[in-house]
């Protein structure tokens, strides 16, 4: 394994792939699993396979327009994935409703993991999934990119092509709705700022 300090930044790989398209495969190798997990949580494993492939196909086709000022391509890839999910909102809502009923994470891989998840699933996970299913899609996008994908506010803004102030506003609105719906669950950690660094 190559030490992280010697890894070639994404923007250099993408730039090099303009002349040598095979190099773009490194971007896929580096980020496909992360994008797939994000998509699986939002739309299910089966659809995530297709959407992950489509995300990287779109990225490959648009690599000549990549903004080289950003060394990390992950927010760009999340933005493409989020745009693709908009066409599958009903599937995403079904995922959250299933999670609300069962407590089983749709991104869980093997049957043993699903059984363990079912045994340990807490009531607040199901309640949170029910609230997520009711959130407006734009607020849900911001919330999931911050809480699941662990992107910073500026990275979410870049991924969704919106101002940072809009990210803050949508996240604030989502938090308020979750707090109203789940206010009686004392152990629910809604402090997403800890996951997001000190950007609140």
Protein backbone atom coordinates (compact mmCIF):
# COMPACT_ATOMS: atom_id res chain seq x y z
CA UNK A 1 0.00 0.00 0.00
CA UNK A 2 1.28 3.47 -0.90
CA UNK A 3 1.64 5.84 2.06
CA UNK A 4 -0.96 8.63 1.98
CA UNK A 5 1.77 11.27 1.79
CA UNK A 6 2.97 9.90 -1.57
CA UNK A 7 -0.45 9.58 -3.19
CA UNK A 8 -0.93 11.65 -6.30
CA UNK A 9 -3.75 14.17 -5.71
CA UNK A 10 -7.00 13.54 -7.56
CA UNK A 11 -6.77 16.71 -9.61
CA UNK A 12 -3.40 15.65 -11.04
CA UNK A 13 -4.76 12.23 -12.00
CA UNK A 14 -7.79 13.81 -13.66
CA UNK A 15 -5.59 16.27 -15.51
CA UNK A 16 -3.35 13.43 -16.70
CA UNK A 17 -6.38 11.40 -17.79
CA UNK A 18 -7.17 14.00 -20.43
CA UNK A 19 -4.28 12.65 -22.49
CA UNK A 20 -4.22 9.15 -20.99
CA UNK A 21 -7.85 8.12 -20.25
CA UNK A 22 -6.70 4.91 -18.51
CA UNK A 23 -5.40 7.02 -15.61
CA UNK A 24 -8.97 7.88 -14.61
CA UNK A 25 -9.26 4.31 -13.33
CA UNK A 26 -7.28 5.43 -10.28
CA UNK A 27 -10.10 7.83 -9.37
CA UNK A 28 -12.55 4.94 -9.54
CA UNK A 29 -10.27 2.69 -7.48
CA UNK A 30 -9.81 5.41 -4.88
CA UNK A 31 -13.43 6.53 -4.43
CA UNK A 32 -15.88 3.92 -5.80
CA UNK A 33 -16.45 2.13 -2.49
CA UNK A 34 -17.16 5.40 -0.68
CA UNK A 35 -19.62 6.58 -3.33
CA UNK A 36 -21.27 3.14 -3.40
CA UNK A 37 -21.82 3.15 0.38
CA UNK A 38 -23.38 6.62 0.18
CA UNK A 39 -25.69 5.56 -2.64
CA UNK A 40 -26.59 2.25 -0.98
CA UNK A 41 -27.71 4.03 2.18
CA UNK A 42 -29.90 6.35 0.18
CA UNK A 43 -31.26 4.06 -2.56
CA UNK A 44 -30.40 0.42 -1.75
CA UNK A 45 -27.56 -1.86 -2.81
CA UNK A 46 -29.00 -2.96 -6.16
CA UNK A 47 -29.60 0.57 -7.43
CA UNK A 48 -26.32 1.74 -5.87
CA UNK A 49 -24.38 -0.58 -8.19
CA UNK A 50 -25.87 1.08 -11.26
CA UNK A 51 -25.69 4.61 -9.88
CA UNK A 52 -22.05 4.19 -8.86
CA UNK A 53 -21.16 3.10 -12.38
CA UNK A 54 -23.16 5.99 -13.81
CA UNK A 55 -21.52 8.47 -11.41
CA UNK A 56 -18.05 7.51 -12.62
CA UNK A 57 -19.11 7.43 -16.26
CA UNK A 58 -20.41 10.99 -15.97
CA UNK A 59 -17.26 12.04 -14.12
CA UNK A 60 -15.10 10.48 -16.83
CA UNK A 61 -17.02 12.24 -19.59
CA UNK A 62 -16.72 15.56 -17.75
CA UNK A 63 -13.10 15.20 -16.63
CA UNK A 64 -11.91 17.94 -18.99
CA UNK A 65 -14.13 20.40 -17.10
CA UNK A 66 -12.90 19.42 -13.64
CA UNK A 67 -11.84 22.44 -11.57
CA UNK A 68 -8.15 21.83 -10.90
CA UNK A 69 -8.26 24.22 -7.94
CA UNK A 70 -9.73 21.30 -5.92
CA UNK A 71 -7.20 18.53 -5.24
CA UNK A 72 -9.86 16.17 -3.80
CA UNK A 73 -12.42 14.90 -6.31
CA UNK A 74 -14.71 13.28 -3.71
CA UNK A 75 -17.05 16.30 -3.25
CA UNK A 76 -17.38 16.51 -7.05
CA UNK A 77 -18.27 12.81 -7.20
CA UNK A 78 -20.79 13.18 -4.36
CA UNK A 79 -22.39 16.02 -6.30
CA UNK A 80 -22.79 13.83 -9.38
CA UNK A 81 -24.21 11.02 -7.23
CA UNK A 82 -26.65 13.39 -5.50
CA UNK A 83 -27.86 14.64 -8.88
CA UNK A 84 -28.44 11.06 -10.04
CA UNK A 85 -30.37 10.27 -6.86
CA UNK A 86 -32.84 13.04 -7.61
CA UNK A 87 -34.21 10.82 -10.35
CA UNK A 88 -34.73 8.03 -7.82
CA UNK A 89 -36.41 9.85 -4.94
CA UNK A 90 -39.16 7.25 -4.58
CA UNK A 91 -36.58 4.50 -4.15
CA UNK A 92 -34.73 6.59 -1.58
CA UNK A 93 -37.95 7.18 0.37
CA UNK A 94 -38.68 3.43 0.31
CA UNK A 95 -35.20 2.83 1.75
CA UNK A 96 -35.80 5.20 4.65
CA UNK A 97 -39.26 3.77 5.29
CA UNK A 98 -37.83 0.24 5.31
CA UNK A 99 -35.13 1.37 7.73
CA UNK A 100 -37.81 3.00 9.88
CA UNK A 101 -39.75 -0.30 10.01
CA UNK A 102 -36.84 -2.71 10.47
CA UNK A 103 -33.83 -0.80 11.73
CA UNK A 104 -31.69 -2.61 9.12
CA UNK A 105 -29.25 -0.41 7.21
CA UNK A 106 -29.68 -0.99 3.45
CA UNK A 107 -25.91 -0.63 2.98
CA UNK A 108 -25.22 -3.64 5.21
CA UNK A 109 -23.44 -6.22 3.11
CA UNK A 110 -23.86 -9.81 4.21
CA UNK A 111 -26.76 -11.68 5.87
CA UNK A 112 -24.83 -12.06 9.13
CA UNK A 113 -24.39 -8.28 9.29
CA UNK A 114 -28.10 -7.79 8.63
CA UNK A 115 -29.00 -10.17 11.47
CA UNK A 116 -26.60 -8.40 13.84
CA UNK A 117 -27.96 -5.02 12.76
CA UNK A 118 -31.53 -6.20 13.33
CA UNK A 119 -30.69 -7.47 16.80
CA UNK A 120 -28.93 -4.27 17.83
CA UNK A 121 -31.13 -1.75 15.99
CA UNK A 122 -32.38 0.87 18.41
CA UNK A 123 -35.79 2.51 18.34
CA UNK A 124 -34.28 5.90 17.63
CA UNK A 125 -32.70 4.60 14.39
CA UNK A 126 -36.12 3.65 13.09
CA UNK A 127 -37.58 6.95 14.28
CA UNK A 128 -34.77 8.92 12.63
CA UNK A 129 -35.26 7.06 9.35
CA UNK A 130 -38.95 7.94 9.42
CA UNK A 131 -38.09 11.61 9.86
CA UNK A 132 -35.51 11.44 7.05
CA UNK A 133 -38.17 10.03 4.74
CA UNK A 134 -40.31 13.11 5.41
CA UNK A 135 -37.56 15.71 4.93
CA UNK A 136 -37.60 17.71 1.71
CA UNK A 137 -35.06 16.23 -0.71
CA UNK A 138 -32.77 19.28 -0.71
CA UNK A 139 -32.52 19.26 3.08
CA UNK A 140 -31.98 15.49 3.10
CA UNK A 141 -29.15 15.87 0.56
CA UNK A 142 -27.31 18.37 2.73
CA UNK A 143 -27.89 16.34 5.90
CA UNK A 144 -26.67 13.06 4.39
CA UNK A 145 -23.62 14.64 2.75
CA UNK A 146 -22.60 16.08 6.12
CA UNK A 147 -23.56 13.23 8.43
CA UNK A 148 -22.95 10.16 6.23
CA UNK A 149 -20.35 11.36 3.75
CA UNK A 150 -18.59 13.54 6.36
CA UNK A 151 -18.17 16.46 3.95
CA UNK A 152 -17.50 19.96 5.26
CA UNK A 153 -19.90 22.82 4.57
CA UNK A 154 -17.75 24.15 1.70
CA UNK A 155 -17.48 20.64 0.22
CA UNK A 156 -21.25 20.19 0.35
CA UNK A 157 -21.67 23.61 -1.28
CA UNK A 158 -19.29 22.53 -4.03
CA UNK A 159 -20.97 19.14 -4.45
CA UNK A 160 -24.46 20.63 -4.79
CA UNK A 161 -23.38 23.86 -6.49
CA UNK A 162 -25.02 26.05 -3.86
CA UNK A 163 -23.68 28.79 -1.55
CA UNK A 164 -22.33 27.79 1.89
CA UNK A 165 -25.08 29.92 3.44
CA UNK A 166 -27.68 27.74 1.74
CA UNK A 167 -25.95 24.63 3.12
CA UNK A 168 -26.18 26.11 6.61
CA UNK A 169 -29.82 27.09 6.15
CA UNK A 170 -30.89 23.68 4.85
CA UNK A 171 -28.97 21.87 7.58
CA UNK A 172 -30.51 24.11 10.24
CA UNK A 173 -33.99 23.41 8.91
CA UNK A 174 -33.34 19.65 8.81
CA UNK A 175 -32.01 19.68 12.38
CA UNK A 176 -35.06 21.58 13.62
CA UNK A 177 -37.41 19.07 12.02
CA UNK A 178 -35.48 16.15 13.49
CA UNK A 179 -35.39 17.73 16.95
CA UNK A 180 -39.14 18.40 16.83
CA UNK A 181 -39.87 14.83 15.77
CA UNK A 182 -37.37 13.12 18.07
CA UNK A 183 -37.11 15.49 20.99
CA UNK A 184 -38.00 12.76 23.47
CA UNK A 185 -34.95 10.64 22.63
CA UNK A 186 -32.25 11.88 25.05
CA UNK A 187 -29.39 9.81 23.63
CA UNK A 188 -29.84 10.99 20.05
CA UNK A 189 -26.72 12.88 18.98
CA UNK A 190 -27.75 15.69 16.69
CA UNK A 191 -24.50 17.60 17.02
CA UNK A 192 -23.47 17.21 13.39
CA UNK A 193 -20.89 19.95 13.87
CA UNK A 194 -18.63 17.40 15.58
CA UNK A 195 -18.72 15.27 12.43
CA UNK A 196 -18.19 18.37 10.36
CA UNK A 197 -15.25 19.85 12.22
CA UNK A 198 -15.46 23.33 13.67
CA UNK A 199 -17.42 24.89 10.84
CA UNK A 200 -20.68 25.58 12.62
